[in-house]
């Protein structure tokens, strides 16, 4: 019985620093798996929108395909059919998806 009392009274060798190390590790994992990829994706989207030119083939976030007829500061006129042109906000445009590779 005396032995169990000694175990209960034992001091933590790190003095509570283990909790801070554990929390720091969780924050680092959260940063590298959640925040960093999201900011990288946002930078790529911003670079795409800034690099849009007349004639580029694009897809809207709703899945409509077309090519750019003209550009303004925040909008783009997209030709989706022979006589059909629709004005979209630049944030609603994304590049065409990569074609699937054959296995």
N, C-alpha and C. Protein backbone atom coordinates (compact mmCIF):
# COMPACT_ATOMS: atom_id res chain seq x y z
N UNK A 1 0.81 -1.20 0.00
CA UNK A 1 0.00 0.00 0.00
C UNK A 1 0.86 1.26 0.00
N UNK A 2 1.99 1.21 0.67
CA UNK A 2 2.85 2.39 0.69
C UNK A 2 3.38 2.73 -0.71
N UNK A 3 3.62 1.68 -1.50
CA UNK A 3 4.15 1.89 -2.84
C UNK A 3 3.18 2.69 -3.71
N UNK A 4 1.87 2.40 -3.62
CA UNK A 4 0.89 3.14 -4.42
C UNK A 4 0.80 4.59 -4.00
N UNK A 5 1.03 4.88 -2.74
CA UNK A 5 1.03 6.28 -2.29
C UNK A 5 2.20 7.04 -2.89
N UNK A 6 3.35 6.36 -3.00
CA UNK A 6 4.51 7.02 -3.60
C UNK A 6 4.25 7.30 -5.09
N UNK A 7 3.58 6.38 -5.78
CA UNK A 7 3.28 6.61 -7.19
C UNK A 7 2.33 7.78 -7.39
N UNK A 8 1.36 7.91 -6.50
CA UNK A 8 0.41 9.01 -6.61
C UNK A 8 1.06 10.36 -6.33
N UNK A 9 2.12 10.35 -5.54
CA UNK A 9 2.77 11.61 -5.18
C UNK A 9 3.93 11.95 -6.10
N UNK A 10 4.20 11.11 -7.10
CA UNK A 10 5.34 11.35 -8.00
C UNK A 10 5.12 12.64 -8.79
N UNK A 11 6.20 13.36 -8.99
CA UNK A 11 6.14 14.61 -9.76
C UNK A 11 6.33 14.33 -11.24
N UNK A 12 5.69 15.15 -12.06
CA UNK A 12 5.87 15.06 -13.51
C UNK A 12 7.26 15.58 -13.84
N UNK A 13 8.10 14.79 -14.54
CA UNK A 13 9.47 15.25 -14.81
C UNK A 13 9.53 16.50 -15.70
N UNK A 14 8.52 16.72 -16.53
CA UNK A 14 8.51 17.92 -17.38
C UNK A 14 7.85 19.11 -16.69
N UNK A 15 7.25 18.89 -15.55
CA UNK A 15 6.65 19.99 -14.81
C UNK A 15 5.50 20.67 -15.52
N UNK A 16 4.67 19.93 -16.22
CA UNK A 16 3.51 20.51 -16.90
C UNK A 16 3.79 20.97 -18.32
N UNK A 17 5.06 20.91 -18.73
CA UNK A 17 5.40 21.32 -20.09
C UNK A 17 4.85 20.35 -21.12
N UNK A 18 4.59 19.13 -20.74
CA UNK A 18 4.06 18.14 -21.68
C UNK A 18 2.73 18.61 -22.25
N UNK A 19 1.92 19.26 -21.44
CA UNK A 19 0.64 19.77 -21.92
C UNK A 19 0.84 20.85 -22.99
N UNK A 20 1.80 21.73 -22.76
CA UNK A 20 2.06 22.78 -23.74
C UNK A 20 2.64 22.21 -25.03
N UNK A 21 3.50 21.20 -24.91
CA UNK A 21 4.06 20.55 -26.09
C UNK A 21 2.96 19.86 -26.88
N UNK A 22 2.05 19.19 -26.20
CA UNK A 22 0.93 18.51 -26.85
C UNK A 22 0.03 19.51 -27.57
N UNK A 23 -0.32 20.59 -26.94
CA UNK A 23 -1.16 21.62 -27.56
C UNK A 23 -0.44 22.26 -28.75
N UNK A 24 0.86 22.52 -28.61
CA UNK A 24 1.65 23.06 -29.73
C UNK A 24 1.67 22.11 -30.91
N UNK A 25 1.77 20.82 -30.63
CA UNK A 25 1.74 19.82 -31.70
C UNK A 25 0.41 19.81 -32.43
N UNK A 26 -0.67 19.92 -31.67
CA UNK A 26 -2.00 19.95 -32.29
C UNK A 26 -2.15 21.19 -33.17
N UNK A 27 -1.66 22.32 -32.70
CA UNK A 27 -1.74 23.56 -33.50
C UNK A 27 -0.90 23.42 -34.78
N UNK A 28 0.29 22.82 -34.67
CA UNK A 28 1.14 22.63 -35.85
C UNK A 28 0.46 21.71 -36.87
N UNK A 29 -0.13 20.63 -36.41
CA UNK A 29 -0.83 19.71 -37.31
C UNK A 29 -2.00 20.41 -37.98
N UNK A 30 -2.77 21.17 -37.20
CA UNK A 30 -3.90 21.92 -37.74
C UNK A 30 -3.43 22.89 -38.82
N UNK A 31 -2.30 23.57 -38.57
CA UNK A 31 -1.79 24.53 -39.54
C UNK A 31 -1.38 23.85 -40.84
N UNK A 32 -0.59 22.76 -40.74
CA UNK A 32 -0.05 22.14 -41.94
C UNK A 32 -1.08 21.34 -42.73
N UNK A 33 -2.15 20.88 -42.09
CA UNK A 33 -3.14 20.09 -42.81
C UNK A 33 -4.41 20.87 -43.16
N UNK A 34 -4.64 22.02 -42.58
CA UNK A 34 -5.87 22.78 -42.84
C UNK A 34 -5.58 24.18 -43.38
N UNK A 35 -4.85 24.96 -42.67
CA UNK A 35 -4.69 26.38 -43.02
C UNK A 35 -3.76 26.58 -44.21
N UNK A 36 -2.61 25.94 -44.19
CA UNK A 36 -1.62 26.15 -45.25
C UNK A 36 -2.14 25.74 -46.63
N UNK A 37 -2.75 24.55 -46.80
CA UNK A 37 -3.27 24.21 -48.13
C UNK A 37 -4.37 25.16 -48.60
N UNK A 38 -5.17 25.65 -47.66
CA UNK A 38 -6.26 26.55 -48.03
C UNK A 38 -5.70 27.89 -48.53
N UNK A 39 -4.68 28.42 -47.88
CA UNK A 39 -4.10 29.68 -48.34
C UNK A 39 -3.37 29.48 -49.67
N UNK A 40 -2.74 28.31 -49.87
CA UNK A 40 -2.08 28.02 -51.14
C UNK A 40 -3.09 27.99 -52.28
N UNK A 41 -4.24 27.35 -52.04
CA UNK A 41 -5.28 27.27 -53.05
C UNK A 41 -5.84 28.67 -53.37
N UNK A 42 -6.02 29.50 -52.35
CA UNK A 42 -6.52 30.86 -52.56
C UNK A 42 -5.54 31.68 -53.40
N UNK A 43 -4.24 31.50 -53.17
CA UNK A 43 -3.23 32.21 -53.97
C UNK A 43 -3.27 31.77 -55.42
N UNK A 44 -3.43 30.46 -55.65
CA UNK A 44 -3.50 29.95 -57.02
C UNK A 44 -4.73 30.48 -57.75
N UNK A 45 -5.87 30.56 -57.05
CA UNK A 45 -7.10 31.09 -57.66
C UNK A 45 -6.94 32.57 -58.00
N UNK A 46 -6.30 33.32 -57.10
CA UNK A 46 -6.08 34.75 -57.35
C UNK A 46 -5.15 34.94 -58.56
N UNK A 47 -4.12 34.11 -58.65
CA UNK A 47 -3.19 34.19 -59.78
C UNK A 47 -3.91 33.87 -61.08
N UNK A 48 -4.81 32.87 -61.05
CA UNK A 48 -5.59 32.52 -62.24
C UNK A 48 -6.47 33.68 -62.68
N UNK A 49 -7.17 34.31 -61.74
CA UNK A 49 -8.08 35.42 -62.08
C UNK A 49 -7.31 36.62 -62.64
N UNK A 50 -6.12 36.88 -62.09
CA UNK A 50 -5.33 38.00 -62.58
C UNK A 50 -4.75 37.72 -63.97
N UNK A 51 -4.57 36.44 -64.30
CA UNK A 51 -3.99 36.08 -65.58
C UNK A 51 -5.00 35.79 -66.68
N UNK A 52 -6.28 36.05 -66.44
CA UNK A 52 -7.30 35.80 -67.46
C UNK A 52 -7.10 36.73 -68.66
N UNK A 53 -7.26 36.17 -69.84
CA UNK A 53 -7.14 36.94 -71.08
C UNK A 53 -8.30 36.62 -71.99
N UNK A 54 -8.51 37.51 -72.96
CA UNK A 54 -9.56 37.28 -73.95
C UNK A 54 -9.23 36.01 -74.73
N UNK A 55 -10.25 35.16 -74.91
CA UNK A 55 -10.07 33.92 -75.65
C UNK A 55 -9.76 32.71 -74.78
N UNK A 56 -9.47 32.90 -73.50
CA UNK A 56 -9.19 31.77 -72.60
C UNK A 56 -10.43 30.92 -72.41
N UNK A 57 -10.24 29.61 -72.42
CA UNK A 57 -11.35 28.70 -72.15
C UNK A 57 -11.45 28.51 -70.64
N UNK A 58 -12.68 28.67 -70.13
CA UNK A 58 -12.91 28.59 -68.70
C UNK A 58 -14.15 27.75 -68.41
N UNK A 59 -14.31 27.45 -67.14
CA UNK A 59 -15.51 26.78 -66.65
C UNK A 59 -16.00 27.57 -65.45
N UNK A 60 -17.31 27.74 -65.33
CA UNK A 60 -17.85 28.44 -64.18
C UNK A 60 -17.96 27.47 -63.01
N UNK A 61 -18.16 28.01 -61.82
CA UNK A 61 -18.31 27.14 -60.65
C UNK A 61 -19.60 26.35 -60.73
N UNK A 62 -20.51 26.73 -61.62
CA UNK A 62 -21.74 25.99 -61.83
C UNK A 62 -21.61 24.92 -62.89
N UNK A 63 -20.45 24.85 -63.58
CA UNK A 63 -20.22 23.81 -64.56
C UNK A 63 -20.46 24.21 -66.00
N UNK A 64 -20.61 25.50 -66.28
CA UNK A 64 -20.84 25.95 -67.65
C UNK A 64 -19.50 26.25 -68.32
N UNK A 65 -19.30 25.71 -69.52
CA UNK A 65 -18.07 25.89 -70.26
C UNK A 65 -18.22 27.01 -71.28
N UNK A 66 -17.12 27.71 -71.55
CA UNK A 66 -17.13 28.75 -72.56
C UNK A 66 -15.75 29.37 -72.70
N UNK A 67 -15.68 30.44 -73.48
CA UNK A 67 -14.43 31.17 -73.58
C UNK A 67 -14.71 32.66 -73.41
N UNK A 68 -13.71 33.36 -72.95
CA UNK A 68 -13.87 34.76 -72.57
C UNK A 68 -13.89 35.64 -73.81
N UNK A 69 -14.94 36.47 -73.89
CA UNK A 69 -15.06 37.45 -74.98
C UNK A 69 -14.45 38.79 -74.59
N UNK A 70 -14.70 39.24 -73.36
CA UNK A 70 -14.13 40.51 -72.89
C UNK A 70 -14.03 40.48 -71.37
N UNK A 71 -13.18 41.37 -70.85
CA UNK A 71 -12.93 41.44 -69.40
C UNK A 71 -13.11 42.86 -68.91
N UNK A 72 -13.67 42.99 -67.73
CA UNK A 72 -13.73 44.25 -67.01
C UNK A 72 -12.91 44.09 -65.73
N UNK A 73 -13.06 45.04 -64.79
CA UNK A 73 -12.32 44.93 -63.54
C UNK A 73 -12.71 43.69 -62.75
N UNK A 74 -14.01 43.47 -62.57
CA UNK A 74 -14.48 42.36 -61.74
C UNK A 74 -15.31 41.33 -62.49
N UNK A 75 -15.61 41.58 -63.76
CA UNK A 75 -16.48 40.68 -64.50
C UNK A 75 -15.84 40.23 -65.81
N UNK A 76 -16.39 39.16 -66.35
CA UNK A 76 -15.94 38.65 -67.64
C UNK A 76 -17.16 38.27 -68.46
N UNK A 77 -17.15 38.61 -69.73
CA UNK A 77 -18.21 38.22 -70.65
C UNK A 77 -17.78 36.91 -71.28
N UNK A 78 -18.56 35.84 -71.01
CA UNK A 78 -18.20 34.50 -71.46
C UNK A 78 -19.16 34.06 -72.55
N UNK A 79 -18.61 33.63 -73.67
CA UNK A 79 -19.42 33.12 -74.78
C UNK A 79 -19.59 31.62 -74.54
N UNK A 80 -20.85 31.20 -74.35
CA UNK A 80 -21.13 29.80 -74.04
C UNK A 80 -21.73 29.05 -75.23
N UNK A 81 -22.23 29.77 -76.22
CA UNK A 81 -22.78 29.14 -77.43
C UNK A 81 -22.61 30.13 -78.57
N UNK A 82 -23.09 29.80 -79.74
CA UNK A 82 -22.89 30.63 -80.91
C UNK A 82 -23.35 32.07 -80.70
N UNK A 83 -24.58 32.27 -80.24
CA UNK A 83 -25.10 33.62 -80.03
C UNK A 83 -25.41 33.90 -78.57
N UNK A 84 -24.83 33.19 -77.67
CA UNK A 84 -25.13 33.35 -76.24
C UNK A 84 -23.88 33.78 -75.48
N UNK A 85 -23.99 34.95 -74.86
CA UNK A 85 -22.90 35.48 -74.03
C UNK A 85 -23.49 35.81 -72.67
N UNK A 86 -22.77 35.44 -71.64
CA UNK A 86 -23.23 35.67 -70.27
C UNK A 86 -22.11 36.36 -69.50
N UNK A 87 -22.47 37.36 -68.68
CA UNK A 87 -21.49 38.06 -67.87
C UNK A 87 -21.40 37.39 -66.50
N UNK A 88 -20.18 37.03 -66.12
CA UNK A 88 -19.92 36.38 -64.83
C UNK A 88 -18.94 37.21 -64.03
N UNK A 89 -19.06 37.11 -62.72
CA UNK A 89 -18.05 37.67 -61.83
C UNK A 89 -16.79 36.82 -61.98
N UNK A 90 -15.60 37.42 -61.91
CA UNK A 90 -14.37 36.67 -62.09
C UNK A 90 -14.20 35.58 -61.03
N UNK A 91 -14.78 35.80 -59.86
CA UNK A 91 -14.64 34.79 -58.80
C UNK A 91 -15.45 33.53 -59.10
N UNK A 92 -16.36 33.59 -60.10
CA UNK A 92 -17.17 32.43 -60.48
C UNK A 92 -16.51 31.61 -61.57
N UNK A 93 -15.30 31.99 -61.99
CA UNK A 93 -14.61 31.28 -63.07
C UNK A 93 -13.47 30.45 -62.50
N UNK A 94 -13.23 29.32 -63.12
CA UNK A 94 -12.09 28.50 -62.76
C UNK A 94 -11.53 27.86 -64.02
N UNK A 95 -10.27 27.41 -63.97
CA UNK A 95 -9.69 26.82 -65.18
C UNK A 95 -10.35 25.49 -65.51
N UNK A 96 -10.20 25.08 -66.76
CA UNK A 96 -10.76 23.80 -67.18
C UNK A 96 -10.07 22.68 -66.42
N UNK A 97 -10.82 21.65 -66.05
CA UNK A 97 -10.21 20.53 -65.34
C UNK A 97 -9.27 19.75 -66.27
N UNK A 98 -8.28 19.13 -65.67
CA UNK A 98 -7.34 18.30 -66.44
C UNK A 98 -8.06 17.07 -66.96
N UNK A 99 -7.77 16.66 -68.19
CA UNK A 99 -8.40 15.43 -68.70
C UNK A 99 -7.92 14.22 -67.91
N UNK A 100 -8.81 13.26 -67.72
CA UNK A 100 -8.46 12.06 -66.97
C UNK A 100 -7.48 11.22 -67.77
N UNK A 101 -6.51 10.66 -67.09
CA UNK A 101 -5.53 9.82 -67.75
C UNK A 101 -6.07 8.41 -67.90
N UNK A 102 -5.81 7.81 -69.05
CA UNK A 102 -6.27 6.43 -69.30
C UNK A 102 -5.36 5.46 -68.54
N UNK A 103 -5.98 4.44 -67.99
CA UNK A 103 -5.18 3.46 -67.22
C UNK A 103 -4.71 2.33 -68.09
